[in-house]
Protein backbone atom coordinates (compact mmCIF):
# COMPACT_ATOMS: atom_id res chain seq x y z
CA MET A 1 9.87 -7.45 16.62
CA ASP A 2 9.38 -9.59 13.42
CA PRO A 3 11.63 -7.82 11.21
CA GLU A 4 9.54 -8.37 8.17
CA LEU A 5 5.98 -7.51 9.68
CA GLY A 6 7.18 -4.84 11.80
CA SER A 7 5.24 -5.68 14.87
CA ASN A 8 6.13 -7.59 18.01
CA ILE A 9 5.72 -11.46 17.89
CA VAL A 10 3.66 -11.61 21.18
CA GLU A 11 0.97 -9.31 19.78
CA LEU A 12 1.16 -11.28 16.28
CA GLY A 13 0.23 -14.56 18.17
CA MET A 14 3.69 -16.15 17.13
CA ALA A 15 4.70 -16.74 20.68
CA LYS A 16 2.81 -19.81 21.72
CA GLY A 17 4.03 -20.39 25.14
CA ALA A 18 6.88 -20.02 27.78
CA GLU A 19 7.98 -22.22 30.68
CA VAL A 20 10.78 -21.87 33.16
CA THR A 21 12.39 -24.94 34.85
CA GLU A 22 13.93 -25.16 38.20
CA ASP A 23 17.37 -24.81 36.97
CA GLY A 24 16.55 -21.55 35.02
CA THR A 25 16.17 -22.87 31.71
CA VAL A 26 13.44 -21.06 29.85
CA ASN A 27 11.49 -23.06 26.99
CA ILE A 28 9.69 -20.98 24.40
CA LYS A 29 7.62 -22.09 21.56
CA ILE A 30 7.47 -19.88 18.61
CA ALA A 31 5.39 -20.34 15.51
CA LEU A 32 6.74 -18.81 12.21
CA THR A 33 4.71 -18.03 9.22
CA THR A 34 6.63 -20.66 7.30
CA SER A 35 8.93 -23.24 8.45
CA GLY A 36 11.56 -22.16 6.03
CA CYS A 37 11.35 -18.47 7.18
CA PRO A 38 14.63 -16.91 6.14
CA LEU A 39 14.49 -14.44 9.19
CA ARG A 40 14.25 -17.42 11.60
CA ALA A 41 18.00 -16.94 12.66
CA GLN A 42 17.26 -13.17 13.43
CA ILE A 43 14.38 -13.77 15.46
CA GLN A 44 16.07 -16.43 17.42
CA ARG A 45 19.12 -14.05 18.10
CA ASP A 46 16.72 -11.34 19.27
CA ILE A 47 14.78 -13.82 21.53
CA ARG A 48 17.90 -14.84 23.34
CA SER A 49 19.31 -11.59 23.63
CA ARG A 50 15.96 -10.32 25.30
CA ILE A 51 15.73 -13.20 27.66
CA ILE A 52 19.40 -14.45 28.56
CA ASP A 53 20.20 -11.43 30.81
CA LEU A 54 17.00 -11.66 32.74
CA PRO A 55 17.52 -12.44 36.60
CA GLY A 56 17.55 -16.31 37.11
CA VAL A 57 17.82 -17.21 33.38
CA SER A 58 20.57 -19.90 32.97
CA ASN A 59 19.55 -20.92 29.37
CA VAL A 60 17.27 -20.35 26.45
CA HIS A 61 15.76 -23.15 24.36
CA ILE A 62 13.37 -22.23 21.45
CA ALA A 63 10.89 -24.78 19.90
CA TRP A 64 9.73 -24.00 16.34
CA THR A 65 6.39 -24.67 14.93
CA GLU A 66 4.41 -23.00 12.04
CA LEU A 67 1.20 -21.33 12.16
CA THR A 68 -2.00 -22.70 10.67
CA ALA A 69 -3.42 -21.01 7.54
CA GLU A 70 -6.09 -19.32 9.70
CA GLU A 71 -3.51 -17.94 12.08
CA LYS A 72 -1.35 -16.71 9.11
CA THR A 73 -4.33 -14.68 7.82
CA ALA A 74 -4.88 -13.24 11.24
CA VAL A 75 -1.26 -12.45 11.66
CA MET A 76 -0.96 -10.55 8.38
CA ALA A 77 -4.13 -8.61 9.02
CA LYS A 78 -2.85 -7.50 12.50
CA ALA A 79 0.55 -6.60 10.92
CA ARG A 80 -1.23 -4.43 8.16
CA TRP A 81 -3.44 -2.73 10.73
CA ASN A 82 -0.60 -1.73 12.83
CA ILE A 83 1.34 -0.30 9.77
CA SER A 84 -1.69 1.56 8.74
CA GLN A 85 -1.86 3.23 12.32
CA ASP A 86 1.89 3.98 12.41
CA VAL A 87 2.32 6.64 9.95
CA PRO A 88 6.18 6.90 8.95
CA GLU A 89 7.72 10.07 8.51
CA THR A 90 8.00 11.21 4.99
CA SER A 91 8.29 14.81 3.23
CA VAL A 92 4.47 14.45 2.02
CA PRO A 93 2.43 17.08 3.77
CA ALA A 94 0.27 15.79 6.45
CA THR A 95 -2.68 17.95 4.87
CA CYS A 96 -2.01 16.53 1.45
CA ARG A 97 -4.77 14.13 -0.12
CA VAL A 98 -2.72 11.19 -1.60
CA ILE A 99 -4.53 9.23 -4.21
CA MET A 100 -2.99 6.10 -5.93
CA ILE A 101 -4.14 5.59 -9.43
CA ALA A 102 -3.97 1.77 -9.74
CA SER A 103 -4.74 -0.93 -12.14
CA GLY A 104 -4.80 -4.52 -12.38
CA LYS A 105 -2.95 -4.72 -15.85
CA GLY A 106 -1.16 -2.69 -17.93
CA GLY A 107 -2.40 -1.10 -21.12
CA VAL A 108 -5.76 0.47 -19.52
CA GLY A 109 -4.63 4.15 -19.73
CA LYS A 110 -3.66 4.52 -16.09
CA SER A 111 -0.80 7.08 -16.76
CA SER A 112 -3.30 9.18 -19.04
CA VAL A 113 -5.78 9.22 -16.40
CA THR A 114 -3.19 10.38 -13.65
CA VAL A 115 -1.96 13.17 -16.00
CA ASN A 116 -5.29 14.40 -17.04
CA LEU A 117 -6.71 14.40 -13.39
CA ALA A 118 -3.51 16.31 -12.06
CA THR A 119 -3.78 18.90 -14.68
CA MET A 120 -7.32 19.46 -14.14
CA LEU A 121 -7.03 19.68 -10.37
CA ALA A 122 -4.29 22.25 -10.96
CA THR A 123 -6.54 24.49 -12.81
CA TYR A 124 -8.67 24.72 -9.64
CA GLY A 125 -5.79 26.74 -8.24
CA LEU A 126 -4.48 23.84 -6.35
CA THR A 127 -0.92 22.46 -5.93
CA VAL A 128 -0.92 18.86 -7.17
CA GLY A 129 2.15 16.51 -6.79
CA VAL A 130 2.49 13.84 -9.47
CA MET A 131 4.77 10.87 -8.58
CA ASP A 132 5.76 8.45 -11.20
CA ALA A 133 5.80 5.16 -9.32
CA ASP A 134 5.82 3.10 -12.60
CA ILE A 135 9.45 2.85 -12.30
CA TRP A 136 10.10 0.50 -15.40
CA GLY A 137 7.24 2.19 -17.38
CA PHE A 138 7.62 5.85 -16.72
CA SER A 139 5.67 8.14 -19.24
CA ILE A 140 4.70 11.12 -17.16
CA PRO A 141 7.34 13.45 -18.40
CA ARG A 142 6.39 13.01 -22.04
CA MET A 143 2.56 13.23 -21.29
CA LEU A 144 3.08 16.38 -19.49
CA GLY A 145 5.61 17.90 -22.11
CA LEU A 146 8.36 18.24 -19.34
CA GLU A 147 11.91 17.80 -19.79
CA GLY A 148 15.02 18.24 -17.51
CA ARG A 149 16.84 16.53 -14.51
CA LEU A 150 15.93 16.38 -11.02
CA GLY A 151 18.24 18.40 -9.07
CA GLY A 152 18.38 19.20 -5.38
CA SER A 153 19.49 21.56 -2.64
CA PRO A 154 22.72 21.15 -0.91
CA ALA A 155 21.16 22.89 2.19
CA SER A 156 18.15 20.75 2.71
CA GLY A 157 19.49 17.73 0.96
CA LYS A 158 16.07 17.12 -0.72
CA ILE A 159 15.38 16.59 -4.18
CA THR A 160 13.57 19.44 -5.99
CA PRO A 161 10.65 18.04 -8.48
CA ILE A 162 10.10 19.67 -11.74
CA LYS A 163 7.30 22.33 -11.61
CA GLN A 164 4.94 23.33 -14.12
CA GLU A 165 2.24 25.94 -13.93
CA VAL A 166 -1.28 25.25 -14.92
CA GLY A 167 -3.98 28.02 -14.81
CA SER A 168 -3.48 29.45 -11.33
CA GLY A 169 -2.14 26.19 -9.92
CA HIS A 170 0.73 24.03 -10.45
CA LEU A 171 2.35 20.59 -10.72
CA GLU A 172 5.20 19.22 -8.96
CA VAL A 173 6.54 16.07 -10.70
CA VAL A 174 9.14 13.28 -9.89
CA SER A 175 9.71 10.69 -12.21
CA MET A 176 12.79 8.19 -13.28
CA GLY A 177 12.20 9.89 -16.65
CA PHE A 178 14.11 12.86 -14.97
CA LEU A 179 17.03 10.91 -14.04
CA VAL A 180 17.91 8.76 -16.98
CA ASP A 181 19.78 10.12 -20.05
CA ARG A 182 17.49 8.74 -22.73
CA GLU A 183 13.63 7.98 -22.59
CA GLU A 184 14.33 4.53 -24.16
CA THR A 185 16.58 3.47 -21.26
CA ALA A 186 15.45 0.14 -20.02
CA LEU A 187 15.78 -0.08 -16.08
CA MET A 188 16.40 -3.72 -15.14
CA TRP A 189 15.88 -3.35 -11.42
CA ARG A 190 14.42 -5.83 -9.15
CA GLY A 191 12.13 -5.34 -5.79
CA LEU A 192 14.65 -3.91 -3.42
CA ILE A 193 15.92 -1.55 -5.72
CA LEU A 194 12.51 -0.42 -6.86
CA ASN A 195 11.21 0.03 -3.51
CA ARG A 196 14.23 2.15 -2.47
CA ALA A 197 13.27 4.50 -5.47
CA VAL A 198 9.95 4.95 -4.32
CA ARG A 199 11.02 5.45 -0.89
CA HIS A 200 13.48 8.25 -2.25
CA PHE A 201 10.34 9.89 -3.81
CA CYS A 202 8.35 9.76 -0.61
CA GLU A 203 11.28 10.77 1.91
CA ASP A 204 13.82 12.77 -0.05
CA VAL A 205 11.72 15.04 -2.29
CA ALA A 206 10.92 18.63 -1.21
CA TRP A 207 7.47 18.56 -2.04
CA GLY A 208 5.60 21.92 -1.47
CA ASN A 209 2.49 22.54 0.29
CA LEU A 210 0.59 20.14 -1.79
CA ASP A 211 -3.29 19.95 -1.72
CA TYR A 212 -3.08 16.47 -3.83
CA LEU A 213 -0.42 13.96 -4.51
CA LEU A 214 -1.45 11.63 -7.31
CA ILE A 215 0.67 8.56 -7.87
CA ASP A 216 0.89 6.72 -11.09
CA MET A 217 1.17 2.99 -9.91
CA PRO A 218 2.82 0.19 -11.71
CA PRO A 219 0.02 -2.43 -12.65
CA GLY A 220 -0.77 -5.20 -10.60
CA THR A 221 0.08 -5.92 -6.82
CA GLY A 222 3.91 -6.17 -6.56
CA ASP A 223 6.76 -4.73 -4.45
CA VAL A 224 6.25 -1.11 -5.28
CA GLN A 225 2.43 -1.30 -4.51
CA MET A 226 3.00 -3.16 -0.93
CA GLY A 227 5.98 -0.72 -0.21
CA LEU A 228 4.05 2.52 -0.77
CA ALA A 229 1.26 1.05 1.21
CA LYS A 230 3.57 0.82 4.15
CA LEU A 231 5.05 4.41 3.31
CA LEU A 232 1.84 6.00 2.90
CA PRO A 233 -0.79 4.20 5.06
CA ARG A 234 -3.28 7.05 4.89
CA ALA A 235 -3.27 7.02 0.97
CA GLU A 236 -6.57 6.32 -0.88
CA MET A 237 -6.96 4.53 -4.09
CA LEU A 238 -8.53 5.01 -7.50
CA ILE A 239 -8.83 2.13 -9.76
CA VAL A 240 -8.83 2.34 -13.49
CA THR A 241 -10.21 -0.44 -15.76
CA THR A 242 -11.71 -0.70 -19.23
CA PRO A 243 -14.98 -2.18 -20.37
CA ALA A 244 -13.55 -5.54 -20.91
CA LEU A 245 -14.56 -8.24 -18.52
CA ALA A 246 -10.78 -9.57 -18.35
CA ALA A 247 -9.66 -6.11 -17.26
CA GLN A 248 -12.33 -6.00 -14.73
CA LYS A 249 -11.53 -9.29 -12.88
CA VAL A 250 -7.80 -8.40 -12.68
CA ALA A 251 -8.75 -4.98 -11.17
CA VAL A 252 -10.47 -6.92 -8.52
CA ARG A 253 -7.27 -8.07 -7.06
CA VAL A 254 -6.03 -4.39 -6.81
CA ALA A 255 -8.90 -3.60 -4.60
CA HIS A 256 -8.33 -6.74 -2.42
CA MET A 257 -4.64 -5.60 -2.31
CA GLY A 258 -5.79 -2.07 -1.11
CA ARG A 259 -8.31 -3.19 1.37
CA ASN A 260 -5.84 -5.58 2.93
CA ASN A 261 -3.73 -2.70 3.61
CA TYR A 262 -6.42 -0.63 4.93
CA LEU A 263 -6.40 1.81 2.06
CA ARG A 264 -9.94 3.54 1.29
CA ILE A 265 -10.92 3.00 -2.46
CA ILE A 266 -12.50 6.18 -3.59
CA GLY A 267 -13.91 4.78 -6.80
CA VAL A 268 -13.42 3.32 -10.15
CA ILE A 269 -12.74 4.97 -13.62
CA GLU A 270 -13.70 3.19 -16.64
CA ASN A 271 -11.30 4.08 -19.43
CA MET A 272 -11.72 3.51 -23.19
CA SER A 273 -15.56 3.15 -22.77
CA ALA A 274 -16.67 3.53 -26.21
CA TRP A 275 -15.85 5.46 -29.42
CA ILE A 276 -18.45 8.23 -30.30
CA ALA A 277 -18.90 8.97 -34.01
CA GLU A 278 -19.61 12.39 -35.36
CA ASP A 279 -23.23 11.26 -35.72
CA GLY A 280 -23.35 10.55 -32.04
CA GLU A 281 -23.53 6.98 -32.37
CA ARG A 282 -21.73 4.91 -29.66
CA HIS A 283 -19.42 2.17 -30.60
CA GLU A 284 -18.51 -0.22 -27.60
CA ILE A 285 -15.31 -1.45 -29.24
CA PHE A 286 -13.79 -2.96 -26.02
CA GLY A 287 -17.07 -4.25 -24.53
CA VAL A 288 -19.45 -2.77 -22.25
CA GLY A 289 -19.99 -2.57 -18.37
CA GLY A 290 -16.62 -3.48 -16.91
CA GLY A 291 -16.21 -0.25 -14.96
CA GLU A 292 -19.91 -0.51 -13.64
CA ALA A 293 -19.49 -4.15 -12.74
CA LEU A 294 -16.06 -3.60 -10.93
CA ALA A 295 -17.78 -0.70 -8.98
CA ARG A 296 -20.60 -2.81 -7.86
CA GLN A 297 -18.51 -5.79 -7.00
CA ILE A 298 -15.97 -3.87 -4.78
CA GLY A 299 -18.98 -1.60 -3.30
CA VAL A 300 -17.50 1.86 -4.60
CA PRO A 301 -18.74 4.64 -7.03
CA LEU A 302 -18.20 4.54 -10.75
CA LEU A 303 -16.93 8.28 -10.91
CA GLY A 304 -17.01 8.54 -14.53
CA SER A 305 -16.40 6.91 -17.99
CA ILE A 306 -13.75 8.20 -20.40
CA PRO A 307 -14.71 7.49 -24.25
CA ILE A 308 -12.18 6.56 -26.84
CA ASP A 309 -10.96 9.77 -28.39
CA PRO A 310 -7.86 10.53 -30.78
CA ALA A 311 -7.20 13.69 -28.97
CA VAL A 312 -6.08 11.79 -25.64
CA THR A 313 -3.29 9.95 -27.48
CA ALA A 314 -2.42 13.05 -29.53
CA GLY A 315 -2.31 15.22 -26.24
CA GLY A 316 -0.27 12.57 -24.50
CA ASP A 317 2.27 12.31 -27.42
CA ALA A 318 2.48 16.19 -27.75
CA GLY A 319 2.68 16.75 -23.98
CA LYS A 320 -0.76 18.83 -23.79
CA PRO A 321 -3.29 16.95 -21.83
CA VAL A 322 -6.61 16.53 -23.32
CA VAL A 323 -8.31 17.85 -20.26
CA LEU A 324 -7.22 21.36 -21.32
CA ALA A 325 -9.00 21.00 -24.69
CA GLN A 326 -12.49 20.41 -25.87
CA GLY A 327 -14.01 17.26 -26.84
CA PRO A 328 -15.98 13.96 -25.28
CA ALA A 329 -12.79 12.81 -23.18
CA ALA A 330 -12.07 16.51 -21.80
CA SER A 331 -15.40 16.71 -20.86
CA ALA A 332 -15.65 13.41 -19.04
CA TYR A 333 -12.48 14.15 -17.11
CA GLN A 334 -13.56 17.60 -16.20
CA ALA A 335 -16.90 16.08 -14.70
CA ILE A 336 -14.71 13.36 -12.77
CA VAL A 337 -12.64 16.12 -11.20
CA GLU A 338 -15.74 18.07 -10.11
CA LEU A 339 -16.97 15.21 -8.51
CA LEU A 340 -13.49 14.28 -7.09
CA ILE A 341 -13.22 17.77 -5.16
CA SER A 342 -16.96 18.15 -4.20
CA GLU A 343 -17.65 14.68 -2.97
CA ALA A 344 -15.45 11.77 -3.53
CA ALA A 345 -12.01 13.11 -2.34
CA PRO A 346 -12.08 16.99 -1.68
CA PRO A 347 -9.06 18.86 -0.65
CA ILE A 348 -8.39 18.23 3.11
CA ASP A 349 -8.06 21.87 4.27
CA MET A 350 -10.60 23.25 1.55
CA GLY A 351 -13.33 20.85 1.53
CA GLY A 352 -15.95 23.48 1.82
CA CYS A 353 -14.86 25.70 -0.98
CA SER A 354 -16.01 23.54 -4.15
CA ALA A 355 -18.21 26.11 -5.55
CA ARG A 356 -15.37 28.61 -5.67
CA LEU A 357 -12.94 26.14 -6.76
CA ILE A 358 -15.18 25.27 -9.79
CA ALA A 359 -15.53 28.73 -10.71
CA ALA A 360 -11.80 29.16 -10.86
CA ALA A 361 -11.36 26.09 -12.89
CA GLU A 362 -13.93 27.15 -15.34
CA SER A 363 -12.21 30.55 -15.92
CA ALA A 364 -8.71 28.78 -16.17
CA LEU A 365 -10.15 26.30 -18.69
CA GLU A 366 -11.70 29.17 -21.01
CA GLU A 367 -8.22 30.70 -20.94
CA ALA A 368 -6.41 27.66 -21.95
CA GLN A 369 -8.89 26.70 -24.78
CA GLY A 370 -8.97 30.21 -26.04
CA ASN A 371 -5.14 29.92 -26.43
């Protein structure tokens, strides 16, 4: 087994030939993804240990070569496909719809989108998990107005998420913000530690009977994104961008990363689309059309556009998501969530109950806005 790709080297096309001489010497030719592969010694040991004890084998000789560019592409595609079909054991329920909220760059409002979508989904009477996988830039606790420390049960050995009731549903939240002493604490962690942290969030959290798990991803296509794609291969991806061309072009890379890992992309949300003045006139401060262009380029629907609304920032700072209030941004979020539960990504075990869910959400919203 290739220790990094997680598939056997014959299936991956790395074993290029084997010959057995009359004196029992086995000559094997192995092509590596790169000639300087740091796992070469381990692969060599594994090959020797598998072959040397076979009847008639007196010696094992390995000749090394390197895969061509086309072969490397095929190998990586095969490895990612195998991973997508081999779902590792986690504590995330099988009936839970996992949605990664991703972006190509920081500053597009991805965390705000995560918080407001999760809160609105909970108003439908759903149980919604929120995983703050932006380990360095955690902000979910503040945006939801949550404090406390993550605890655990000695009996189960699992971490207990912080819970918050919203209407007739509730949120279950995990974040590094619940593990540090101060919000200003800087986490200077590298890739392996980051991956271990998100692995704990997937494997060691006592998630309840979730309908949705929304994951606030770090921006870009780094270690955390690839690690989560392996841990949650049945997850789907929702990409957040702004109207700016630069943001749209960077977001395309995230779409390619998702599809290379066989993740379904359910749609695009354009954030900060325009500022709407009191007289109704639209002001396209950050450009126009980035969300629609991205959706068209990667072949997915544009689920909605969130206008610039000071209430979004005020709600995030105060821990009161704007989706529970009234205004242009709140209305846009509510429309997006209705589209999610009815068409784009309905609850796995409640896909036919959209009308009842929407009625329940409208009732919860009226109550929240009345308070």
